[in-house]
Amino acid sequence: LLEEMARAGLAGVEVHHRDHGEDAVRHLTGLARDLDLLVTGSSDYHGDGKVNRLAEHTTSPEVFDAIESRGSGTPVVRP
């Protein structure tokens, strides 16, 4: 499915996430490399009731810049 989505224009895949174990991270990193996808991370913090910590897994500044450069529409506001 990821291969099909990449052919359809998918730009990246969330590799670094609390629910992804070491095997999943290795697998997804390899797929991202093979499919030329950006590797992202996420803390998925949605408030109380979840064990995720804010900024637990983040996207590197270089990948963020690549996402921003590929975007269209409203520019990103940086502090």
Protein backbone atom coordinates (compact mmCIF):
# COMPACT_ATOMS: atom_id res chain seq x y z
CA LEU A 1 0.00 0.00 0.00
CA LEU A 2 2.82 2.43 0.84
CA GLU A 3 4.40 1.80 -2.56
CA GLU A 4 1.11 2.59 -4.28
CA MET A 5 0.68 5.75 -2.22
CA ALA A 6 4.25 6.85 -3.08
CA ARG A 7 3.49 6.40 -6.78
CA ALA A 8 0.37 8.53 -6.28
CA GLY A 9 2.42 11.37 -4.76
CA LEU A 10 2.93 10.57 -1.07
CA ALA A 11 5.89 12.64 0.12
CA GLY A 12 6.72 11.12 3.49
CA VAL A 13 6.00 8.51 6.12
CA GLU A 14 5.81 8.79 9.90
CA VAL A 15 8.62 6.50 11.03
CA HIS A 16 9.32 7.74 14.54
CA HIS A 17 6.30 7.20 16.77
CA ARG A 18 5.76 5.71 20.21
CA ASP A 19 3.81 2.79 18.72
CA HIS A 20 6.63 1.82 16.33
CA GLY A 21 9.11 -0.66 17.75
CA GLU A 22 12.69 -1.02 16.53
CA ASP A 23 11.72 -3.52 13.81
CA ALA A 24 9.00 -1.23 12.48
CA VAL A 25 11.36 1.76 12.50
CA ARG A 26 13.98 -0.20 10.54
CA HIS A 27 11.36 -1.46 8.08
CA LEU A 28 9.78 1.95 7.54
CA THR A 29 13.17 3.65 7.24
CA GLY A 30 14.14 1.17 4.53
CA LEU A 31 10.87 1.69 2.68
CA ALA A 32 11.28 5.46 2.92
CA ARG A 33 14.80 5.18 1.47
CA ASP A 34 13.69 2.83 -1.33
CA LEU A 35 10.66 4.96 -2.21
CA ASP A 36 12.43 8.33 -1.77
CA LEU A 37 10.05 9.40 0.99
CA LEU A 38 10.71 11.90 3.76
CA VAL A 39 11.04 10.37 7.25
CA THR A 40 8.94 12.15 9.86
CA GLY A 41 8.19 11.80 13.54
CA SER A 42 5.31 12.77 15.75
CA SER A 43 4.44 13.07 19.40
CA ASP A 44 0.70 12.84 18.70
CA TYR A 45 -0.07 14.63 21.93
CA HIS A 46 -3.83 14.93 22.34
CA GLY A 47 -4.06 15.86 26.02
CA ASP A 48 -4.72 13.86 29.16
CA GLY A 49 -5.48 10.19 28.89
CA LYS A 50 -2.62 9.32 26.54
CA VAL A 51 0.88 8.31 27.51
CA ASN A 52 2.50 10.28 24.69
CA ARG A 53 4.72 13.16 25.73
CA LEU A 54 4.74 16.41 23.78
CA ALA A 55 7.75 16.44 21.40
CA GLU A 56 8.58 12.84 22.27
CA HIS A 57 9.27 12.10 18.60
CA THR A 58 9.83 14.99 16.24
CA THR A 59 10.63 15.63 12.61
CA SER A 60 14.17 16.81 11.94
CA PRO A 61 14.62 20.46 10.92
CA GLU A 62 15.99 19.33 7.53
CA VAL A 63 12.89 17.25 6.79
CA PHE A 64 10.65 20.05 8.03
CA ASP A 65 12.38 22.40 5.58
CA ALA A 66 11.85 19.86 2.78
CA ILE A 67 8.14 19.59 3.65
CA GLU A 68 7.84 23.37 3.68
CA SER A 69 9.61 23.71 0.33
CA ARG A 70 7.23 21.20 -1.28
CA GLY A 71 4.14 22.85 0.13
CA SER A 72 1.79 25.22 -1.57
CA GLY A 73 -0.60 27.68 -0.07
CA THR A 74 -0.11 29.52 3.19
CA PRO A 75 3.53 30.02 4.22
CA VAL A 76 4.72 28.57 7.51
CA VAL A 77 5.01 31.17 10.27
CA ARG A 78 8.20 30.76 12.27
CA PRO A 79 8.94 32.47 15.58
